Amino acid sequence: MGGLTSLAASAMQALSAANALIGVVDRHQNSGQRDYDFAKAQSDLSLQNAREQAALQKEQLRLSAEQSETNRRAALRRAMARQRAQFGASGIGSGTGSAQAVLLGMFDESEEELQKRQALDSLKTAAINQGVSQQQRINTLQLTQMKERDRLKNIGSTLQSAHDLGSIIF
């Protein structure tokens, strides 16, 4: 009968240790999940802020481009009017070949300025978009690393608890 009591006591110790092991694993997993959820919320907020900042920068770029275009057209009109006035004062009609060539040259220069500004604006927009994409990739990488660290920590805790359980039983 003493052997049966000893076996029952060992079985109770093993069950108690197994329950403790399950409790430890659950606490580690719940703690890790809370940490991950918090980090995910921070990551989502960071990405949302980056997207909002990018949208604001793009809007500022668009407004600046509109203002530049308005200024370019006004400057072109003034330059063309001034050139026509000079031609008129010189007795050269604005319909003559050389006068038209000069005015078309002014227009072409203005169009080149427009194309350069549009190319620069496109580069700025691409840089803004790339910044948001990089933020998203960094966030994803950090969350993945955190999840993997937590998984490895849980495995280590489980192994340690199993080792402790084995030393109690044996």
N, C-alpha and C. Protein backbone atom coordinates (compact mmCIF):
# COMPACT_ATOMS: atom_id res chain seq x y z
N MET A 1 0.81 -1.19 0.00
CA MET A 1 0.00 0.00 0.00
C MET A 1 0.86 1.25 0.00
N GLY A 2 2.04 1.19 0.69
CA GLY A 2 2.94 2.32 0.74
C GLY A 2 3.45 2.69 -0.63
N GLY A 3 3.64 1.67 -1.51
CA GLY A 3 4.11 1.94 -2.86
C GLY A 3 3.05 2.65 -3.67
N LEU A 4 1.78 2.30 -3.44
CA LEU A 4 0.69 2.94 -4.16
C LEU A 4 0.54 4.40 -3.73
N THR A 5 0.72 4.65 -2.41
CA THR A 5 0.64 6.02 -1.91
C THR A 5 1.79 6.84 -2.47
N SER A 6 2.98 6.25 -2.55
CA SER A 6 4.14 6.94 -3.10
C SER A 6 3.93 7.25 -4.59
N LEU A 7 3.36 6.27 -5.31
CA LEU A 7 3.08 6.47 -6.73
C LEU A 7 2.03 7.55 -6.92
N ALA A 8 0.99 7.56 -6.07
CA ALA A 8 -0.05 8.59 -6.16
C ALA A 8 0.53 9.96 -5.86
N ALA A 9 1.41 10.03 -4.85
CA ALA A 9 2.03 11.31 -4.51
C ALA A 9 2.90 11.80 -5.66
N SER A 10 3.64 10.90 -6.31
CA SER A 10 4.48 11.27 -7.46
C SER A 10 3.61 11.74 -8.62
N ALA A 11 2.48 11.04 -8.81
CA ALA A 11 1.57 11.44 -9.89
C ALA A 11 0.99 12.81 -9.61
N MET A 12 0.64 13.07 -8.35
CA MET A 12 0.11 14.40 -7.99
C MET A 12 1.16 15.49 -8.20
N GLN A 13 2.42 15.17 -7.84
CA GLN A 13 3.51 16.14 -8.07
C GLN A 13 3.67 16.41 -9.56
N ALA A 14 3.61 15.35 -10.36
CA ALA A 14 3.76 15.49 -11.81
C ALA A 14 2.63 16.33 -12.39
N LEU A 15 1.39 16.07 -11.94
CA LEU A 15 0.26 16.87 -12.42
C LEU A 15 0.39 18.33 -11.99
N SER A 16 0.82 18.54 -10.77
CA SER A 16 1.01 19.90 -10.28
C SER A 16 2.09 20.62 -11.09
N ALA A 17 3.17 19.91 -11.35
CA ALA A 17 4.26 20.50 -12.14
C ALA A 17 3.80 20.77 -13.58
N ALA A 18 3.00 19.85 -14.13
CA ALA A 18 2.49 20.04 -15.49
C ALA A 18 1.57 21.25 -15.54
N ASN A 19 0.73 21.41 -14.53
CA ASN A 19 -0.14 22.60 -14.48
C ASN A 19 0.69 23.87 -14.36
N ALA A 20 1.75 23.81 -13.56
CA ALA A 20 2.64 24.97 -13.43
C ALA A 20 3.29 25.28 -14.76
N LEU A 21 3.71 24.21 -15.48
CA LEU A 21 4.33 24.38 -16.80
C LEU A 21 3.34 25.05 -17.76
N ILE A 22 2.12 24.58 -17.78
CA ILE A 22 1.09 25.16 -18.65
C ILE A 22 0.85 26.63 -18.28
N GLY A 23 0.81 26.91 -16.98
CA GLY A 23 0.62 28.30 -16.53
C GLY A 23 1.75 29.20 -16.98
N VAL A 24 3.00 28.71 -16.87
CA VAL A 24 4.16 29.50 -17.29
C VAL A 24 4.10 29.78 -18.79
N VAL A 25 3.81 28.73 -19.56
CA VAL A 25 3.74 28.89 -21.02
C VAL A 25 2.63 29.88 -21.39
N ASP A 26 1.46 29.74 -20.75
CA ASP A 26 0.36 30.66 -21.04
C ASP A 26 0.72 32.10 -20.70
N ARG A 27 1.36 32.31 -19.55
CA ARG A 27 1.75 33.67 -19.16
C ARG A 27 2.73 34.26 -20.15
N HIS A 28 3.71 33.45 -20.58
CA HIS A 28 4.69 33.94 -21.55
C HIS A 28 4.02 34.28 -22.88
N GLN A 29 3.12 33.41 -23.31
CA GLN A 29 2.46 33.65 -24.59
C GLN A 29 1.55 34.87 -24.51
N ASN A 30 0.80 35.00 -23.42
CA ASN A 30 -0.09 36.16 -23.28
C ASN A 30 0.71 37.45 -23.19
N SER A 31 1.80 37.41 -22.45
CA SER A 31 2.65 38.60 -22.32
C SER A 31 3.25 38.97 -23.68
N GLY A 32 3.72 37.95 -24.39
CA GLY A 32 4.29 38.20 -25.71
C GLY A 32 3.25 38.73 -26.68
N GLN A 33 2.04 38.21 -26.60
CA GLN A 33 0.97 38.68 -27.49
C GLN A 33 0.60 40.12 -27.18
N ARG A 34 0.55 40.47 -25.88
CA ARG A 34 0.24 41.86 -25.51
C ARG A 34 1.34 42.79 -26.03
N ASP A 35 2.60 42.37 -25.87
CA ASP A 35 3.71 43.19 -26.37
C ASP A 35 3.63 43.35 -27.88
N TYR A 36 3.32 42.25 -28.56
CA TYR A 36 3.20 42.29 -30.01
C TYR A 36 2.04 43.20 -30.43
N ASP A 37 0.90 43.05 -29.76
CA ASP A 37 -0.27 43.88 -30.08
C ASP A 37 0.04 45.36 -29.89
N PHE A 38 0.76 45.69 -28.82
CA PHE A 38 1.15 47.07 -28.56
C PHE A 38 2.10 47.57 -29.65
N ALA A 39 3.10 46.75 -29.97
CA ALA A 39 4.06 47.14 -31.02
C ALA A 39 3.35 47.28 -32.37
N LYS A 40 2.40 46.41 -32.65
CA LYS A 40 1.65 46.47 -33.91
C LYS A 40 0.84 47.76 -33.97
N ALA A 41 0.20 48.11 -32.84
CA ALA A 41 -0.58 49.35 -32.80
C ALA A 41 0.34 50.56 -33.02
N GLN A 42 1.52 50.54 -32.39
CA GLN A 42 2.48 51.64 -32.59
C GLN A 42 2.93 51.68 -34.04
N SER A 43 3.19 50.52 -34.62
CA SER A 43 3.63 50.44 -36.01
C SER A 43 2.56 50.98 -36.95
N ASP A 44 1.32 50.58 -36.69
CA ASP A 44 0.21 51.06 -37.53
C ASP A 44 0.06 52.57 -37.42
N LEU A 45 0.19 53.09 -36.21
CA LEU A 45 0.09 54.54 -35.99
C LEU A 45 1.24 55.27 -36.69
N SER A 46 2.43 54.71 -36.57
CA SER A 46 3.60 55.30 -37.23
C SER A 46 3.42 55.34 -38.74
N LEU A 47 2.92 54.24 -39.29
CA LEU A 47 2.69 54.19 -40.74
C LEU A 47 1.59 55.15 -41.16
N GLN A 48 0.54 55.24 -40.36
CA GLN A 48 -0.54 56.19 -40.67
C GLN A 48 -0.01 57.62 -40.64
N ASN A 49 0.81 57.94 -39.65
CA ASN A 49 1.41 59.28 -39.57
C ASN A 49 2.30 59.54 -40.78
N ALA A 50 3.09 58.54 -41.17
CA ALA A 50 3.96 58.71 -42.34
C ALA A 50 3.13 58.95 -43.60
N ARG A 51 2.03 58.22 -43.73
CA ARG A 51 1.17 58.41 -44.91
C ARG A 51 0.51 59.79 -44.91
N GLU A 52 0.06 60.23 -43.74
CA GLU A 52 -0.55 61.56 -43.65
C GLU A 52 0.48 62.65 -43.94
N GLN A 53 1.69 62.47 -43.42
CA GLN A 53 2.76 63.44 -43.68
C GLN A 53 3.09 63.46 -45.18
N ALA A 54 3.12 62.28 -45.79
CA ALA A 54 3.40 62.20 -47.23
C ALA A 54 2.31 62.89 -48.03
N ALA A 55 1.06 62.68 -47.64
CA ALA A 55 -0.05 63.33 -48.34
C ALA A 55 0.06 64.85 -48.21
N LEU A 56 0.43 65.31 -47.03
CA LEU A 56 0.60 66.75 -46.81
C LEU A 56 1.74 67.29 -47.67
N GLN A 57 2.85 66.58 -47.71
CA GLN A 57 3.98 67.02 -48.53
C GLN A 57 3.61 67.05 -50.01
N LYS A 58 2.86 66.04 -50.46
CA LYS A 58 2.43 66.00 -51.86
C LYS A 58 1.50 67.16 -52.18
N GLU A 59 0.62 67.47 -51.24
CA GLU A 59 -0.30 68.60 -51.45
C GLU A 59 0.49 69.91 -51.51
N GLN A 60 1.46 70.07 -50.63
CA GLN A 60 2.30 71.27 -50.67
C GLN A 60 3.07 71.36 -51.98
N LEU A 61 3.56 70.22 -52.45
CA LEU A 61 4.27 70.18 -53.73
C LEU A 61 3.34 70.56 -54.87
N ARG A 62 2.10 70.06 -54.83
CA ARG A 62 1.12 70.38 -55.88
C ARG A 62 0.79 71.87 -55.88
N LEU A 63 0.57 72.43 -54.68
CA LEU A 63 0.25 73.85 -54.59
C LEU A 63 1.43 74.70 -55.05
N SER A 64 2.62 74.28 -54.69
CA SER A 64 3.82 75.00 -55.13
C SER A 64 3.95 74.94 -56.65
N ALA A 65 3.65 73.79 -57.23
CA ALA A 65 3.72 73.64 -58.69
C ALA A 65 2.68 74.54 -59.37
N GLU A 66 1.48 74.59 -58.79
CA GLU A 66 0.45 75.47 -59.35
C GLU A 66 0.90 76.93 -59.31
N GLN A 67 1.46 77.34 -58.17
CA GLN A 67 1.92 78.72 -58.03
C GLN A 67 3.07 79.00 -59.00
N SER A 68 3.97 78.05 -59.14
CA SER A 68 5.09 78.22 -60.08
C SER A 68 4.58 78.34 -61.51
N GLU A 69 3.58 77.52 -61.84
CA GLU A 69 3.02 77.58 -63.20
C GLU A 69 2.35 78.92 -63.44
N THR A 70 1.62 79.41 -62.46
CA THR A 70 0.98 80.72 -62.58
C THR A 70 2.03 81.80 -62.76
N ASN A 71 3.08 81.75 -61.95
CA ASN A 71 4.17 82.73 -62.06
C ASN A 71 4.88 82.63 -63.41
N ARG A 72 5.10 81.38 -63.88
CA ARG A 72 5.80 81.18 -65.17
C ARG A 72 4.99 81.77 -66.30
N ARG A 73 3.69 81.52 -66.30
CA ARG A 73 2.84 82.04 -67.37
C ARG A 73 2.78 83.57 -67.34
N ALA A 74 2.67 84.13 -66.14
CA ALA A 74 2.63 85.59 -66.01
C ALA A 74 3.95 86.19 -66.48
N ALA A 75 5.06 85.58 -66.10
CA ALA A 75 6.38 86.08 -66.52
C ALA A 75 6.54 85.97 -68.03
N LEU A 76 6.04 84.87 -68.61
CA LEU A 76 6.11 84.70 -70.06
C LEU A 76 5.27 85.76 -70.77
N ARG A 77 4.06 86.01 -70.26
CA ARG A 77 3.22 87.04 -70.88
C ARG A 77 3.90 88.41 -70.80
N ARG A 78 4.48 88.73 -69.63
CA ARG A 78 5.17 90.03 -69.49
C ARG A 78 6.37 90.12 -70.43
N ALA A 79 7.15 89.04 -70.51
CA ALA A 79 8.34 89.05 -71.37
C ALA A 79 7.94 89.18 -72.84
N MET A 80 6.89 88.46 -73.21
CA MET A 80 6.45 88.54 -74.60
C MET A 80 5.89 89.93 -74.91
N ALA A 81 5.15 90.51 -73.97
CA ALA A 81 4.61 91.86 -74.18
C ALA A 81 5.75 92.87 -74.27
N ARG A 82 6.74 92.71 -73.40
CA ARG A 82 7.88 93.62 -73.42
C ARG A 82 8.63 93.49 -74.75
N GLN A 83 8.81 92.25 -75.22
CA GLN A 83 9.53 92.03 -76.48
C GLN A 83 8.73 92.60 -77.65
N ARG A 84 7.42 92.42 -77.64
CA ARG A 84 6.58 92.98 -78.71
C ARG A 84 6.67 94.51 -78.71
N ALA A 85 6.68 95.08 -77.49
CA ALA A 85 6.79 96.54 -77.38
C ALA A 85 8.13 97.01 -77.94
N GLN A 86 9.19 96.25 -77.65
CA GLN A 86 10.50 96.62 -78.19
C GLN A 86 10.52 96.50 -79.71
N PHE A 87 9.90 95.43 -80.21
CA PHE A 87 9.83 95.28 -81.66
C PHE A 87 9.04 96.43 -82.28
N GLY A 88 7.92 96.78 -81.65
CA GLY A 88 7.10 97.87 -82.16
C GLY A 88 7.85 99.18 -82.13
N ALA A 89 8.61 99.43 -81.05
CA ALA A 89 9.37 100.67 -80.94
C ALA A 89 10.47 100.72 -81.99
N SER A 90 10.96 99.53 -82.37
CA SER A 90 12.03 99.47 -83.38
C SER A 90 11.47 99.48 -84.79
N GLY A 91 10.16 99.39 -84.91
CA GLY A 91 9.56 99.39 -86.23
C GLY A 91 9.47 98.00 -86.84
N ILE A 92 9.72 96.99 -86.03
CA ILE A 92 9.62 95.61 -86.52
C ILE A 92 8.24 95.09 -86.16
N GLY A 93 7.50 94.61 -87.10
CA GLY A 93 6.16 94.10 -86.83
C GLY A 93 6.22 92.74 -86.14
N SER A 94 5.23 92.47 -85.32
CA SER A 94 5.26 91.21 -84.59
C SER A 94 4.95 90.02 -85.50
N GLY A 95 4.47 90.28 -86.71
CA GLY A 95 4.16 89.20 -87.64
C GLY A 95 5.35 88.78 -88.49
N THR A 96 6.47 89.48 -88.38
CA THR A 96 7.62 89.15 -89.22
C THR A 96 8.30 87.89 -88.69
N GLY A 97 9.07 87.26 -89.54
CA GLY A 97 9.72 85.99 -89.22
C GLY A 97 10.66 86.06 -88.04
N SER A 98 11.52 87.08 -88.01
CA SER A 98 12.50 87.14 -86.93
C SER A 98 11.83 87.46 -85.60
N ALA A 99 10.80 88.29 -85.61
CA ALA A 99 10.08 88.62 -84.38
C ALA A 99 9.38 87.38 -83.84
N GLN A 100 8.75 86.62 -84.75
CA GLN A 100 8.09 85.39 -84.30
C GLN A 100 9.11 84.38 -83.77
N ALA A 101 10.25 84.30 -84.38
CA ALA A 101 11.28 83.36 -83.94
C ALA A 101 11.74 83.70 -82.52
N VAL A 102 11.91 84.99 -82.25
CA VAL A 102 12.32 85.40 -80.91
C VAL A 102 11.22 85.06 -79.90
N LEU A 103 9.96 85.36 -80.24
CA LEU A 103 8.85 85.06 -79.32
C LEU A 103 8.69 83.56 -79.11
N LEU A 104 8.83 82.77 -80.18
CA LEU A 104 8.74 81.31 -80.03
C LEU A 104 9.90 80.77 -79.19
N GLY A 105 11.05 81.38 -79.33
CA GLY A 105 12.20 80.99 -78.51
C GLY A 105 11.92 81.23 -77.03
N MET A 106 11.29 82.36 -76.73
CA MET A 106 10.94 82.66 -75.35
C MET A 106 9.94 81.62 -74.82
N PHE A 107 8.97 81.27 -75.67
CA PHE A 107 7.97 80.29 -75.28
C PHE A 107 8.63 78.92 -75.04
N ASP A 108 9.54 78.53 -75.92
CA ASP A 108 10.23 77.25 -75.78
C ASP A 108 11.05 77.20 -74.50
N GLU A 109 11.73 78.30 -74.17
CA GLU A 109 12.50 78.34 -72.93
C GLU A 109 11.58 78.17 -71.73
N SER A 110 10.42 78.79 -71.80
CA SER A 110 9.45 78.68 -70.71
C SER A 110 8.94 77.24 -70.58
N GLU A 111 8.70 76.59 -71.70
CA GLU A 111 8.25 75.19 -71.69
C GLU A 111 9.34 74.27 -71.12
N GLU A 112 10.59 74.56 -71.43
CA GLU A 112 11.70 73.77 -70.87
C GLU A 112 11.75 73.91 -69.35
N GLU A 113 11.54 75.14 -68.88
CA GLU A 113 11.48 75.35 -67.43
C GLU A 113 10.36 74.53 -66.81
N LEU A 114 9.20 74.51 -67.46
CA LEU A 114 8.07 73.74 -66.98
C LEU A 114 8.41 72.25 -66.91
N GLN A 115 9.00 71.73 -67.95
CA GLN A 115 9.36 70.31 -67.99
C GLN A 115 10.39 69.96 -66.90
N LYS A 116 11.36 70.84 -66.69
CA LYS A 116 12.36 70.60 -65.64
C LYS A 116 11.69 70.59 -64.26
N ARG A 117 10.79 71.55 -64.03
CA ARG A 117 10.11 71.60 -62.75
C ARG A 117 9.23 70.38 -62.54
N GLN A 118 8.54 69.95 -63.60
CA GLN A 118 7.69 68.76 -63.48
C GLN A 118 8.53 67.51 -63.20
N ALA A 119 9.71 67.42 -63.83
CA ALA A 119 10.59 66.28 -63.57
C ALA A 119 11.07 66.30 -62.12
N LEU A 120 11.42 67.49 -61.63
CA LEU A 120 11.85 67.63 -60.24
C LEU A 120 10.71 67.28 -59.28
N ASP A 121 9.51 67.74 -59.59
CA ASP A 121 8.35 67.42 -58.76
C ASP A 121 8.08 65.91 -58.75
N SER A 122 8.27 65.28 -59.90
CA SER A 122 8.08 63.82 -59.97
C SER A 122 9.10 63.10 -59.09
N LEU A 123 10.33 63.57 -59.11
CA LEU A 123 11.37 62.98 -58.25
C LEU A 123 11.03 63.18 -56.77
N LYS A 124 10.56 64.36 -56.43
CA LYS A 124 10.19 64.62 -55.04
C LYS A 124 9.04 63.71 -54.60
N THR A 125 8.05 63.55 -55.47
CA THR A 125 6.91 62.68 -55.16
C THR A 125 7.37 61.24 -55.00
N ALA A 126 8.25 60.80 -55.89
CA ALA A 126 8.78 59.43 -55.79
C ALA A 126 9.54 59.25 -54.48
N ALA A 127 10.31 60.26 -54.07
CA ALA A 127 11.04 60.18 -52.81
C ALA A 127 10.09 60.11 -51.61
N ILE A 128 9.02 60.87 -51.67
CA ILE A 128 8.02 60.84 -50.59
C ILE A 128 7.39 59.45 -50.52
N ASN A 129 7.00 58.90 -51.68
CA ASN A 129 6.39 57.57 -51.71
C ASN A 129 7.36 56.50 -51.23
N GLN A 130 8.62 56.65 -51.62
CA GLN A 130 9.64 55.69 -51.20
C GLN A 130 9.83 55.74 -49.68
N GLY A 131 9.77 56.93 -49.11
CA GLY A 131 9.90 57.06 -47.66
C GLY A 131 8.79 56.32 -46.93
N VAL A 132 7.57 56.42 -47.42
CA VAL A 132 6.43 55.70 -46.81
C VAL A 132 6.62 54.20 -46.97
N SER A 133 7.04 53.77 -48.15
CA SER A 133 7.26 52.34 -48.39
C SER A 133 8.36 51.80 -47.48
N GLN A 134 9.42 52.56 -47.30
CA GLN A 134 10.50 52.14 -46.42
C GLN A 134 10.01 52.04 -44.98
N GLN A 135 9.20 52.99 -44.55
CA GLN A 135 8.64 52.95 -43.20
C GLN A 135 7.80 51.69 -43.01
N GLN A 136 7.02 51.35 -44.02
CA GLN A 136 6.18 50.16 -43.95
C GLN A 136 7.04 48.90 -43.88
N ARG A 137 8.10 48.83 -44.69
CA ARG A 137 8.98 47.65 -44.65
C ARG A 137 9.71 47.54 -43.32
N ILE A 138 10.16 48.66 -42.78
CA ILE A 138 10.84 48.65 -41.49
C ILE A 138 9.89 48.17 -40.40
N ASN A 139 8.67 48.68 -40.40
CA ASN A 139 7.68 48.26 -39.41
C ASN A 139 7.42 46.76 -39.50
N THR A 140 7.25 46.26 -40.72
CA THR A 140 7.00 44.83 -40.91
C THR A 140 8.18 44.01 -40.42
N LEU A 141 9.38 44.45 -40.72
CA LEU A 141 10.59 43.74 -40.28
C LEU A 141 10.68 43.73 -38.76
N GLN A 142 10.44 44.86 -38.14
CA GLN A 142 10.52 44.94 -36.67
C GLN A 142 9.48 44.04 -36.02
N LEU A 143 8.27 44.03 -36.55
CA LEU A 143 7.22 43.18 -35.99
C LEU A 143 7.55 41.69 -36.17
N THR A 144 8.10 41.35 -37.32
CA THR A 144 8.48 39.96 -37.57
C THR A 144 9.60 39.54 -36.62
N GLN A 145 10.59 40.42 -36.45
CA GLN A 145 11.68 40.11 -35.52
C GLN A 145 11.15 39.94 -34.10
N MET A 146 10.23 40.80 -33.70
CA MET A 146 9.67 40.71 -32.36
C MET A 146 8.92 39.39 -32.18
N LYS A 147 8.14 39.03 -33.17
CA LYS A 147 7.38 37.77 -33.10
C LYS A 147 8.34 36.58 -33.00
N GLU A 148 9.40 36.60 -33.77
CA GLU A 148 10.37 35.50 -33.74
C GLU A 148 11.11 35.44 -32.41
N ARG A 149 11.51 36.61 -31.88
CA ARG A 149 12.17 36.65 -30.56
C ARG A 149 11.25 36.08 -29.49
N ASP A 150 9.97 36.48 -29.57
CA ASP A 150 9.01 36.00 -28.58
C ASP A 150 8.80 34.49 -28.72
N ARG A 151 8.75 34.01 -29.94
CA ARG A 151 8.58 32.58 -30.17
C ARG A 151 9.77 31.81 -29.61
N LEU A 152 10.98 32.30 -29.84
CA LEU A 152 12.17 31.64 -29.31
C LEU A 152 12.19 31.70 -27.78
N LYS A 153 11.77 32.82 -27.23
CA LYS A 153 11.70 32.96 -25.77
C LYS A 153 10.70 31.97 -25.20
N ASN A 154 9.55 31.80 -25.85
CA ASN A 154 8.54 30.85 -25.40
C ASN A 154 9.07 29.42 -25.48
N ILE A 155 9.79 29.10 -26.54
CA ILE A 155 10.36 27.76 -26.68
C ILE A 155 11.36 27.52 -25.53
N GLY A 156 12.21 28.53 -25.26
CA GLY A 156 13.18 28.40 -24.18
C GLY A 156 12.50 28.23 -22.83
N SER A 157 11.45 29.00 -22.59
CA SER A 157 10.72 28.89 -21.32
C SER A 157 10.05 27.53 -21.20
N THR A 158 9.49 27.06 -22.29
CA THR A 158 8.83 25.76 -22.28
C THR A 158 9.85 24.66 -22.01
N LEU A 159 11.01 24.73 -22.65
CA LEU A 159 12.05 23.73 -22.43
C LEU A 159 12.55 23.77 -21.00
N GLN A 160 12.72 24.97 -20.47
CA GLN A 160 13.18 25.09 -19.08
C GLN A 160 12.14 24.52 -18.13
N SER A 161 10.87 24.83 -18.37
CA SER A 161 9.80 24.31 -17.52
C SER A 161 9.70 22.80 -17.64
N ALA A 162 9.86 22.25 -18.85
CA ALA A 162 9.84 20.81 -19.05
C ALA A 162 11.02 20.16 -18.32
N HIS A 163 12.18 20.81 -18.37
CA HIS A 163 13.36 20.32 -17.66
C HIS A 163 13.08 20.30 -16.15
N ASP A 164 12.49 21.39 -15.67
CA ASP A 164 12.14 21.45 -14.24
C ASP A 164 11.13 20.37 -13.89
N LEU A 165 10.16 20.12 -14.76
CA LEU A 165 9.17 19.07 -14.54
C LEU A 165 9.85 17.70 -14.52
N GLY A 166 10.78 17.50 -15.43
CA GLY A 166 11.51 16.23 -15.47
C GLY A 166 12.32 16.01 -14.22
N SER A 167 12.93 17.06 -13.69
CA SER A 167 13.72 16.89 -12.47
C SER A 167 12.85 16.62 -11.27
N ILE A 168 11.60 17.10 -11.25
CA ILE A 168 10.67 16.82 -10.16
C ILE A 168 10.22 15.37 -10.22
N ILE A 169 9.91 14.91 -11.44
CA ILE A 169 9.38 13.55 -11.61
C ILE A 169 10.47 12.52 -11.37
N PHE A 170 11.65 12.77 -11.90
CA PHE A 170 12.71 11.76 -11.80
C PHE A 170 13.61 12.14 -10.70
